Amino acid sequence: MNKNESPKSSRRRILQAGVAIVAAGAAVRPAAAADEPPKVEKTLVGYQDKPNQDGQKCINCQVFLPPNACVTVAGTISPNGWCGVYTPKT
């Protein structure tokens, strides 16, 4: 802060600089990450590497992404796996 600047003006400059830094950080974030919804951990949805008792499996689910991913669940997904977000393809 220089002699001619009030403490209020100095705080404003610091806040403006902080906002600019945060905005710059957001702009650097990869575009793919910004477009993807957050994924949940396997344990939260009861994921298992085998079909459920009714024969439901990831490869027949609407949110399965071949060869081994999911729109909703994080990590590597087995096509023969199953979890609580299973939604059969129509």
PDB file of N, CA and C in Angstrom:
ATOM      1  N   MET A   1       0.851  -1.179   0.000  1.00  0.00           N
ATOM      2  CA  MET A   1       0.000   0.000   0.000  1.00  0.00           C
ATOM      3  C   MET A   1       0.891   1.234   0.000  1.00  0.00           C
ATOM      4  N   ASN A   2       0.602   2.189  -0.888  1.00  0.00           N
ATOM      5  CA  ASN A   2       1.397   3.405  -0.900  1.00  0.00           C
ATOM      6  C   ASN A   2       0.760   4.446   0.006  1.00  0.00           C
ATOM      7  N   LYS A   3       1.436   5.606   0.202  1.00  0.00           N
ATOM      8  CA  LYS A   3       0.968   6.639   1.128  1.00  0.00           C
ATOM      9  C   LYS A   3      -0.390   7.203   0.753  1.00  0.00           C
ATOM     10  N   ASN A   4      -0.694   7.276  -0.523  1.00  0.00           N
ATOM     11  CA  ASN A   4      -1.930   7.901  -0.985  1.00  0.00           C
ATOM     12  C   ASN A   4      -3.105   6.927  -1.062  1.00  0.00           C
ATOM     13  N   GLU A   5      -2.901   5.690  -0.691  1.00  0.00           N
ATOM     14  CA  GLU A   5      -3.944   4.676  -0.842  1.00  0.00           C
ATOM     15  C   GLU A   5      -4.556   4.372   0.530  1.00  0.00           C
ATOM     16  N   SER A   6      -5.873   4.338   0.583  1.00  0.00           N
ATOM     17  CA  SER A   6      -6.548   4.040   1.846  1.00  0.00           C
ATOM     18  C   SER A   6      -6.493   2.539   2.118  1.00  0.00           C
ATOM     19  N   PRO A   7      -6.631   2.097   3.398  1.00  0.00           N
ATOM     20  CA  PRO A   7      -6.641   0.667   3.702  1.00  0.00           C
ATOM     21  C   PRO A   7      -7.778  -0.056   2.975  1.00  0.00           C
ATOM     22  N   LYS A   8      -8.924   0.601   2.799  1.00  0.00           N
ATOM     23  CA  LYS A   8     -10.051  -0.007   2.105  1.00  0.00           C
ATOM     24  C   LYS A   8      -9.709  -0.290   0.646  1.00  0.00           C
ATOM     25  N   SER A   9      -9.022   0.649   0.005  1.00  0.00           N
ATOM     26  CA  SER A   9      -8.617   0.487  -1.387  1.00  0.00           C
ATOM     27  C   SER A   9      -7.606  -0.651  -1.524  1.00  0.00           C
ATOM     28  N   SER A  10      -6.708  -0.769  -0.558  1.00  0.00           N
ATOM     29  CA  SER A  10      -5.703  -1.816  -0.590  1.00  0.00           C
ATOM     30  C   SER A  10      -6.364  -3.192  -0.463  1.00  0.00           C
ATOM     31  N   ARG A  11      -7.344  -3.337   0.416  1.00  0.00           N
ATOM     32  CA  ARG A  11      -8.076  -4.593   0.558  1.00  0.00           C
ATOM     33  C   ARG A  11      -8.805  -4.950  -0.729  1.00  0.00           C
ATOM     34  N   ARG A  12      -9.358  -3.952  -1.371  1.00  0.00           N
ATOM     35  CA  ARG A  12     -10.067  -4.186  -2.626  1.00  0.00           C
ATOM     36  C   ARG A  12      -9.110  -4.738  -3.675  1.00  0.00           C
ATOM     37  N   ARG A  13      -7.913  -4.175  -3.770  1.00  0.00           N
ATOM     38  CA  ARG A  13      -6.922  -4.662  -4.732  1.00  0.00           C
ATOM     39  C   ARG A  13      -6.524  -6.103  -4.433  1.00  0.00           C
ATOM     40  N   ILE A  14      -6.362  -6.437  -3.171  1.00  0.00           N
ATOM     41  CA  ILE A  14      -5.995  -7.805  -2.790  1.00  0.00           C
ATOM     42  C   ILE A  14      -7.116  -8.770  -3.169  1.00  0.00           C
ATOM     43  N   LEU A  15      -8.363  -8.404  -2.901  1.00  0.00           N
ATOM     44  CA  LEU A  15      -9.493  -9.259  -3.250  1.00  0.00           C
ATOM     45  C   LEU A  15      -9.612  -9.430  -4.760  1.00  0.00           C
ATOM     46  N   GLN A  16      -9.414  -8.355  -5.501  1.00  0.00           N
ATOM     47  CA  GLN A  16      -9.484  -8.441  -6.955  1.00  0.00           C
ATOM     48  C   GLN A  16      -8.382  -9.346  -7.495  1.00  0.00           C
ATOM     49  N   ALA A  17      -7.203  -9.266  -6.924  1.00  0.00           N
ATOM     50  CA  ALA A  17      -6.102 -10.123  -7.355  1.00  0.00           C
ATOM     51  C   ALA A  17      -6.420 -11.582  -7.046  1.00  0.00           C
ATOM     52  N   GLY A  18      -7.018 -11.835  -5.883  1.00  0.00           N
ATOM     53  CA  GLY A  18      -7.400 -13.199  -5.511  1.00  0.00           C
ATOM     54  C   GLY A  18      -8.428 -13.774  -6.466  1.00  0.00           C
ATOM     55  N   VAL A  19      -9.415 -12.979  -6.842  1.00  0.00           N
ATOM     56  CA  VAL A  19     -10.437 -13.423  -7.791  1.00  0.00           C
ATOM     57  C   VAL A  19      -9.795 -13.735  -9.141  1.00  0.00           C
ATOM     58  N   ALA A  20      -8.863 -12.922  -9.561  1.00  0.00           N
ATOM     59  CA  ALA A  20      -8.187 -13.150 -10.840  1.00  0.00           C
ATOM     60  C   ALA A  20      -7.392 -14.448 -10.805  1.00  0.00           C
ATOM     61  N   ILE A  21      -6.754 -14.760  -9.679  1.00  0.00           N
ATOM     62  CA  ILE A  21      -5.971 -15.996  -9.560  1.00  0.00           C
ATOM     63  C   ILE A  21      -6.889 -17.207  -9.614  1.00  0.00           C
ATOM     64  N   VAL A  22      -8.017 -17.143  -8.902  1.00  0.00           N
ATOM     65  CA  VAL A  22      -8.969 -18.254  -8.919  1.00  0.00           C
ATOM     66  C   VAL A  22      -9.527 -18.462 -10.326  1.00  0.00           C
ATOM     67  N   ALA A  23      -9.875 -17.387 -11.007  1.00  0.00           N
ATOM     68  CA  ALA A  23     -10.411 -17.488 -12.368  1.00  0.00           C
ATOM     69  C   ALA A  23      -9.373 -18.079 -13.314  1.00  0.00           C
ATOM     70  N   ALA A  24      -8.129 -17.697 -13.158  1.00  0.00           N
ATOM     71  CA  ALA A  24      -7.071 -18.244 -14.013  1.00  0.00           C
ATOM     72  C   ALA A  24      -6.900 -19.730 -13.766  1.00  0.00           C
ATOM     73  N   GLY A  25      -6.986 -20.157 -12.522  1.00  0.00           N
ATOM     74  CA  GLY A  25      -6.882 -21.574 -12.195  1.00  0.00           C
ATOM     75  C   GLY A  25      -8.017 -22.368 -12.813  1.00  0.00           C
ATOM     76  N   ALA A  26      -9.220 -21.833 -12.810  1.00  0.00           N
ATOM     77  CA  ALA A  26     -10.371 -22.516 -13.404  1.00  0.00           C
ATOM     78  C   ALA A  26     -10.208 -22.621 -14.922  1.00  0.00           C
ATOM     79  N   ALA A  27      -9.611 -21.630 -15.527  1.00  0.00           N
ATOM     80  CA  ALA A  27      -9.436 -21.636 -16.977  1.00  0.00           C
ATOM     81  C   ALA A  27      -8.404 -22.666 -17.421  1.00  0.00           C
ATOM     82  N   VAL A  28      -7.478 -23.019 -16.546  1.00  0.00           N
ATOM     83  CA  VAL A  28      -6.426 -23.964 -16.882  1.00  0.00           C
ATOM     84  C   VAL A  28      -6.922 -25.407 -16.782  1.00  0.00           C
ATOM     85  N   ARG A  29      -8.002 -25.638 -16.057  1.00  0.00           N
ATOM     86  CA  ARG A  29      -8.552 -26.984 -15.876  1.00  0.00           C
ATOM     87  C   ARG A  29      -8.861 -27.617 -17.222  1.00  0.00           C
ATOM     88  N   PRO A  30      -8.523 -28.890 -17.424  1.00  0.00           N
ATOM     89  CA  PRO A  30      -8.775 -29.538 -18.714  1.00  0.00           C
ATOM     90  C   PRO A  30     -10.249 -29.509 -19.098  1.00  0.00           C
ATOM     91  N   ALA A  31     -10.526 -29.317 -20.367  1.00  0.00           N
ATOM     92  CA  ALA A  31     -11.910 -29.222 -20.840  1.00  0.00           C
ATOM     93  C   ALA A  31     -12.682 -30.501 -20.575  1.00  0.00           C
ATOM     94  N   ALA A  32     -12.065 -31.657 -20.744  1.00  0.00           N
ATOM     95  CA  ALA A  32     -12.761 -32.927 -20.521  1.00  0.00           C
ATOM     96  C   ALA A  32     -13.232 -33.036 -19.083  1.00  0.00           C
ATOM     97  N   ALA A  33     -12.413 -32.599 -18.137  1.00  0.00           N
ATOM     98  CA  ALA A  33     -12.790 -32.675 -16.731  1.00  0.00           C
ATOM     99  C   ALA A  33     -13.963 -31.748 -16.430  1.00  0.00           C
ATOM    100  N   ALA A  34     -14.033 -30.615 -17.083  1.00  0.00           N
ATOM    101  CA  ALA A  34     -15.117 -29.677 -16.844  1.00  0.00           C
ATOM    102  C   ALA A  34     -16.446 -30.216 -17.360  1.00  0.00           C
ATOM    103  N   ASP A  35     -16.409 -31.038 -18.411  1.00  0.00           N
ATOM    104  CA  ASP A  35     -17.632 -31.560 -19.011  1.00  0.00           C
ATOM    105  C   ASP A  35     -18.115 -32.855 -18.373  1.00  0.00           C
ATOM    106  N   GLU A  36     -17.257 -33.539 -17.629  1.00  0.00           N
ATOM    107  CA  GLU A  36     -17.614 -34.821 -17.053  1.00  0.00           C
ATOM    108  C   GLU A  36     -18.282 -34.643 -15.695  1.00  0.00           C
ATOM    109  N   PRO A  37     -19.380 -35.374 -15.463  1.00  0.00           N
ATOM    110  CA  PRO A  37     -19.977 -35.328 -14.134  1.00  0.00           C
ATOM    111  C   PRO A  37     -19.076 -36.056 -13.138  1.00  0.00           C
ATOM    112  N   PRO A  38     -19.157 -35.717 -11.871  1.00  0.00           N
ATOM    113  CA  PRO A  38     -18.329 -36.424 -10.891  1.00  0.00           C
ATOM    114  C   PRO A  38     -18.742 -37.886 -10.796  1.00  0.00           C
ATOM    115  N   LYS A  39     -17.790 -38.763 -10.573  1.00  0.00           N
ATOM    116  CA  LYS A  39     -18.067 -40.192 -10.450  1.00  0.00           C
ATOM    117  C   LYS A  39     -18.006 -40.600  -8.984  1.00  0.00           C
ATOM    118  N   VAL A  40     -18.724 -41.657  -8.634  1.00  0.00           N
ATOM    119  CA  VAL A  40     -18.734 -42.155  -7.267  1.00  0.00           C
ATOM    120  C   VAL A  40     -17.800 -43.347  -7.135  1.00  0.00           C
ATOM    121  N   GLU A  41     -17.334 -43.579  -5.934  1.00  0.00           N
ATOM    122  CA  GLU A  41     -16.464 -44.718  -5.662  1.00  0.00           C
ATOM    123  C   GLU A  41     -17.259 -46.015  -5.720  1.00  0.00           C
ATOM    124  N   LYS A  42     -16.594 -47.076  -6.114  1.00  0.00           N
ATOM    125  CA  LYS A  42     -17.233 -48.385  -6.257  1.00  0.00           C
ATOM    126  C   LYS A  42     -17.920 -48.839  -4.971  1.00  0.00           C
ATOM    127  N   THR A  43     -17.280 -48.602  -3.851  1.00  0.00           N
ATOM    128  CA  THR A  43     -17.844 -49.067  -2.572  1.00  0.00           C
ATOM    129  C   THR A  43     -19.186 -48.408  -2.252  1.00  0.00           C
ATOM    130  N   LEU A  44     -19.373 -47.184  -2.700  1.00  0.00           N
ATOM    131  CA  LEU A  44     -20.622 -46.464  -2.403  1.00  0.00           C
ATOM    132  C   LEU A  44     -21.827 -47.021  -3.153  1.00  0.00           C
ATOM    133  N   VAL A  45     -21.594 -47.726  -4.248  1.00  0.00           N
ATOM    134  CA  VAL A  45     -22.698 -48.277  -5.040  1.00  0.00           C
ATOM    135  C   VAL A  45     -22.737 -49.798  -5.000  1.00  0.00           C
ATOM    136  N   GLY A  46     -21.924 -50.388  -4.132  1.00  0.00           N
ATOM    137  CA  GLY A  46     -21.926 -51.837  -3.988  1.00  0.00           C
ATOM    138  C   GLY A  46     -21.395 -52.580  -5.197  1.00  0.00           C
ATOM    139  N   TYR A  47     -20.412 -52.000  -5.881  1.00  0.00           N
ATOM    140  CA  TYR A  47     -19.857 -52.622  -7.085  1.00  0.00           C
ATOM    141  C   TYR A  47     -19.234 -53.973  -6.755  1.00  0.00           C
ATOM    142  N   GLN A  48     -19.435 -54.923  -7.656  1.00  0.00           N
ATOM    143  CA  GLN A  48     -18.785 -56.237  -7.580  1.00  0.00           C
ATOM    144  C   GLN A  48     -18.349 -56.644  -8.980  1.00  0.00           C
ATOM    145  N   ASP A  49     -17.302 -57.460  -9.077  1.00  0.00           N
ATOM    146  CA  ASP A  49     -16.744 -57.869 -10.377  1.00  0.00           C
ATOM    147  C   ASP A  49     -17.494 -59.015 -11.031  1.00  0.00           C
ATOM    148  N   LYS A  50     -18.647 -59.366 -10.512  1.00  0.00           N
ATOM    149  CA  LYS A  50     -19.452 -60.461 -11.073  1.00  0.00           C
ATOM    150  C   LYS A  50     -20.904 -59.998 -11.198  1.00  0.00           C
ATOM    151  N   PRO A  51     -21.695 -60.670 -12.023  1.00  0.00           N
ATOM    152  CA  PRO A  51     -23.109 -60.286 -12.165  1.00  0.00           C
ATOM    153  C   PRO A  51     -23.859 -60.456 -10.839  1.00  0.00           C
ATOM    154  N   ASN A  52     -25.011 -59.785 -10.712  1.00  0.00           N
ATOM    155  CA  ASN A  52     -25.801 -59.994  -9.506  1.00  0.00           C
ATOM    156  C   ASN A  52     -26.572 -61.303  -9.630  1.00  0.00           C
ATOM    157  N   GLN A  53     -27.365 -61.617  -8.636  1.00  0.00           N
ATOM    158  CA  GLN A  53     -28.077 -62.902  -8.611  1.00  0.00           C
ATOM    159  C   GLN A  53     -29.066 -63.055  -9.761  1.00  0.00           C
ATOM    160  N   ASP A  54     -29.565 -61.958 -10.286  1.00  0.00           N
ATOM    161  CA  ASP A  54     -30.523 -62.016 -11.394  1.00  0.00           C
ATOM    162  C   ASP A  54     -29.841 -62.029 -12.755  1.00  0.00           C
ATOM    163  N   GLY A  55     -28.517 -62.113 -12.772  1.00  0.00           N
ATOM    164  CA  GLY A  55     -27.788 -62.145 -14.039  1.00  0.00           C
ATOM    165  C   GLY A  55     -27.541 -60.767 -14.638  1.00  0.00           C
ATOM    166  N   GLN A  56     -27.910 -59.713 -13.932  1.00  0.00           N
ATOM    167  CA  GLN A  56     -27.654 -58.359 -14.437  1.00  0.00           C
ATOM    168  C   GLN A  56     -26.151 -58.102 -14.400  1.00  0.00           C
ATOM    169  N   LYS A  57     -25.627 -57.471 -15.467  1.00  0.00           N
ATOM    170  CA  LYS A  57     -24.208 -57.142 -15.504  1.00  0.00           C
ATOM    171  C   LYS A  57     -23.977 -55.842 -16.262  1.00  0.00           C
ATOM    172  N   CYS A  58     -22.845 -55.241 -15.997  1.00  0.00           N
ATOM    173  CA  CYS A  58     -22.521 -53.912 -16.529  1.00  0.00           C
ATOM    174  C   CYS A  58     -22.658 -53.813 -18.047  1.00  0.00           C
ATOM    175  N   ILE A  59     -22.252 -54.820 -18.765  1.00  0.00           N
ATOM    176  CA  ILE A  59     -22.298 -54.752 -20.227  1.00  0.00           C
ATOM    177  C   ILE A  59     -23.719 -54.514 -20.738  1.00  0.00           C
ATOM    178  N   ASN A  60     -24.724 -54.845 -19.939  1.00  0.00           N
ATOM    179  CA  ASN A  60     -26.133 -54.635 -20.321  1.00  0.00           C
ATOM    180  C   ASN A  60     -26.738 -53.385 -19.673  1.00  0.00           C
ATOM    181  N   CYS A  61     -25.899 -52.529 -19.110  1.00  0.00           N
ATOM    182  CA  CYS A  61     -26.354 -51.325 -18.394  1.00  0.00           C
ATOM    183  C   CYS A  61     -26.241 -50.087 -19.289  1.00  0.00           C
ATOM    184  N   GLN A  62     -27.165 -49.167 -19.113  1.00  0.00           N
ATOM    185  CA  GLN A  62     -27.180 -47.928 -19.907  1.00  0.00           C
ATOM    186  C   GLN A  62     -25.957 -47.052 -19.690  1.00  0.00           C
ATOM    187  N   VAL A  63     -25.348 -47.095 -18.512  1.00  0.00           N
ATOM    188  CA  VAL A  63     -24.231 -46.193 -18.220  1.00  0.00           C
ATOM    189  C   VAL A  63     -22.852 -46.837 -18.381  1.00  0.00           C
ATOM    190  N   PHE A  64     -22.814 -48.069 -18.873  1.00  0.00           N
ATOM    191  CA  PHE A  64     -21.535 -48.746 -19.119  1.00  0.00           C
ATOM    192  C   PHE A  64     -20.875 -48.150 -20.358  1.00  0.00           C
ATOM    193  N   LEU A  65     -19.562 -47.927 -20.280  1.00  0.00           N
ATOM    194  CA  LEU A  65     -18.772 -47.389 -21.393  1.00  0.00           C
ATOM    195  C   LEU A  65     -17.730 -48.422 -21.798  1.00  0.00           C
ATOM    196  N   PRO A  66     -17.960 -49.139 -22.903  1.00  0.00           N
ATOM    197  CA  PRO A  66     -16.988 -50.145 -23.331  1.00  0.00           C
ATOM    198  C   PRO A  66     -15.619 -49.514 -23.558  1.00  0.00           C
ATOM    199  N   PRO A  67     -14.537 -50.187 -23.311  1.00  0.00           N
ATOM    200  CA  PRO A  67     -14.501 -51.586 -22.934  1.00  0.00           C
ATOM    201  C   PRO A  67     -14.615 -51.847 -21.433  1.00  0.00           C
ATOM    202  N   ASN A  68     -14.270 -50.846 -20.569  1.00  0.00           N
ATOM    203  CA  ASN A  68     -14.261 -51.140 -19.139  1.00  0.00           C
ATOM    204  C   ASN A  68     -14.425 -49.908 -18.248  1.00  0.00           C
ATOM    205  N   ALA A  69     -15.387 -49.060 -18.575  1.00  0.00           N
ATOM    206  CA  ALA A  69     -15.611 -47.845 -17.796  1.00  0.00           C
ATOM    207  C   ALA A  69     -17.109 -47.631 -17.577  1.00  0.00           C
ATOM    208  N   CYS A  70     -17.430 -46.620 -16.800  1.00  0.00           N
ATOM    209  CA  CYS A  70     -18.821 -46.314 -16.468  1.00  0.00           C
ATOM    210  C   CYS A  70     -19.000 -44.805 -16.388  1.00  0.00           C
ATOM    211  N   VAL A  71     -20.149 -44.329 -16.776  1.00  0.00           N
ATOM    212  CA  VAL A  71     -20.465 -42.905 -16.688  1.00  0.00           C
ATOM    213  C   VAL A  71     -20.546 -42.478 -15.223  1.00  0.00           C
ATOM    214  N   THR A  72     -21.004 -43.364 -14.351  1.00  0.00           N
ATOM    215  CA  THR A  72     -21.304 -43.033 -12.962  1.00  0.00           C
ATOM    216  C   THR A  72     -20.244 -43.460 -11.966  1.00  0.00           C
ATOM    217  N   VAL A  73     -19.633 -44.620 -12.189  1.00  0.00           N
ATOM    218  CA  VAL A  73     -18.725 -45.224 -11.206  1.00  0.00           C
ATOM    219  C   VAL A  73     -17.262 -45.015 -11.618  1.00  0.00           C
ATOM    220  N   ALA A  74     -16.438 -44.632 -10.662  1.00  0.00           N
ATOM    221  CA  ALA A  74     -15.020 -44.373 -10.906  1.00  0.00           C
ATOM    222  C   ALA A  74     -14.230 -45.670 -11.022  1.00  0.00           C
ATOM    223  N   GLY A  75     -13.173 -45.636 -11.794  1.00  0.00           N
ATOM    224  CA  GLY A  75     -12.251 -46.754 -11.895  1.00  0.00           C
ATOM    225  C   GLY A  75     -12.560 -47.692 -13.043  1.00  0.00           C
ATOM    226  N   THR A  76     -11.813 -48.785 -13.075  1.00  0.00           N
ATOM    227  CA  THR A  76     -11.988 -49.800 -14.114  1.00  0.00           C
ATOM    228  C   THR A  76     -13.186 -50.666 -13.758  1.00  0.00           C
ATOM    229  N   ILE A  77     -14.047 -50.890 -14.734  1.00  0.00           N
ATOM    230  CA  ILE A  77     -15.283 -51.638 -14.535  1.00  0.00           C
ATOM    231  C   ILE A  77     -15.256 -52.892 -15.393  1.00  0.00           C
ATOM    232  N   SER A  78     -15.596 -54.020 -14.783  1.00  0.00           N
ATOM    233  CA  SER A  78     -15.675 -55.271 -15.537  1.00  0.00           C
ATOM    234  C   SER A  78     -16.997 -55.317 -16.301  1.00  0.00           C
ATOM    235  N   PRO A  79     -16.973 -55.712 -17.573  1.00  0.00           N
ATOM    236  CA  PRO A  79     -18.231 -55.853 -18.317  1.00  0.00           C
ATOM    237  C   PRO A  79     -19.184 -56.850 -17.651  1.00  0.00           C
ATOM    238  N   ASN A  80     -18.620 -57.774 -16.876  1.00  0.00           N
ATOM    239  CA  ASN A  80     -19.430 -58.763 -16.177  1.00  0.00           C
ATOM    240  C   ASN A  80     -19.736 -58.365 -14.739  1.00  0.00           C
ATOM    241  N   GLY A  81     -19.341 -57.152 -14.343  1.00  0.00           N
ATOM    242  CA  GLY A  81     -19.594 -56.663 -12.995  1.00  0.00           C
ATOM    243  C   GLY A  81     -21.026 -56.183 -12.823  1.00  0.00           C
ATOM    244  N   TRP A  82     -21.308 -55.653 -11.646  1.00  0.00           N
ATOM    245  CA  TRP A  82     -22.653 -55.133 -11.343  1.00  0.00           C
ATOM    246  C   TRP A  82     -22.549 -54.172 -10.168  1.00  0.00           C
ATOM    247  N   CYS A  83     -23.461 -53.181 -10.112  1.00  0.00           N
ATOM    248  CA  CYS A  83     -23.544 -52.294  -8.949  1.00  0.00           C
ATOM    249  C   CYS A  83     -24.974 -51.790  -8.795  1.00  0.00           C
ATOM    250  N   GLY A  84     -25.193 -51.024  -7.747  1.00  0.00           N
ATOM    251  CA  GLY A  84     -26.525 -50.530  -7.415  1.00  0.00           C
ATOM    252  C   GLY A  84     -27.107 -49.507  -8.366  1.00  0.00           C
ATOM    253  N   VAL A  85     -26.313 -48.957  -9.266  1.00  0.00           N
ATOM    254  CA  VAL A  85     -26.868 -48.007 -10.245  1.00  0.00           C
ATOM    255  C   VAL A  85     -27.235 -48.688 -11.560  1.00  0.00           C
ATOM    256  N   TYR A  86     -27.192 -50.011 -11.557  1.00  0.00           N
ATOM    257  CA  TYR A  86     -27.518 -50.771 -12.776  1.00  0.00           C
ATOM    258  C   TYR A  86     -28.880 -50.333 -13.314  1.00  0.00           C
ATOM    259  N   THR A  87     -28.897 -49.990 -14.588  1.00  0.00           N
ATOM    260  CA  THR A  87     -30.125 -49.625 -15.305  1.00  0.00           C
ATOM    261  C   THR A  87     -30.075 -50.353 -16.644  1.00  0.00           C
ATOM    262  N   PRO A  88     -30.981 -51.304 -16.858  1.00  0.00           N
ATOM    263  CA  PRO A  88     -30.900 -52.093 -18.085  1.00  0.00           C
ATOM    264  C   PRO A  88     -31.056 -51.239 -19.339  1.00  0.00           C
ATOM    265  N   LYS A  89     -30.333 -51.611 -20.388  1.00  0.00           N
ATOM    266  CA  LYS A  89     -30.480 -50.930 -21.677  1.00  0.00           C
ATOM    267  C   LYS A  89     -31.897 -51.207 -22.195  1.00  0.00           C
ATOM    268  N   THR A  90     -32.454 -50.206 -22.841  1.00  0.00           N
ATOM    269  CA  THR A  90     -33.800 -50.393 -23.391  1.00  0.00           C
ATOM    270  C   THR A  90     -33.765 -50.662 -24.862  1.00  0.00           C
TER     271      THR A  90
END
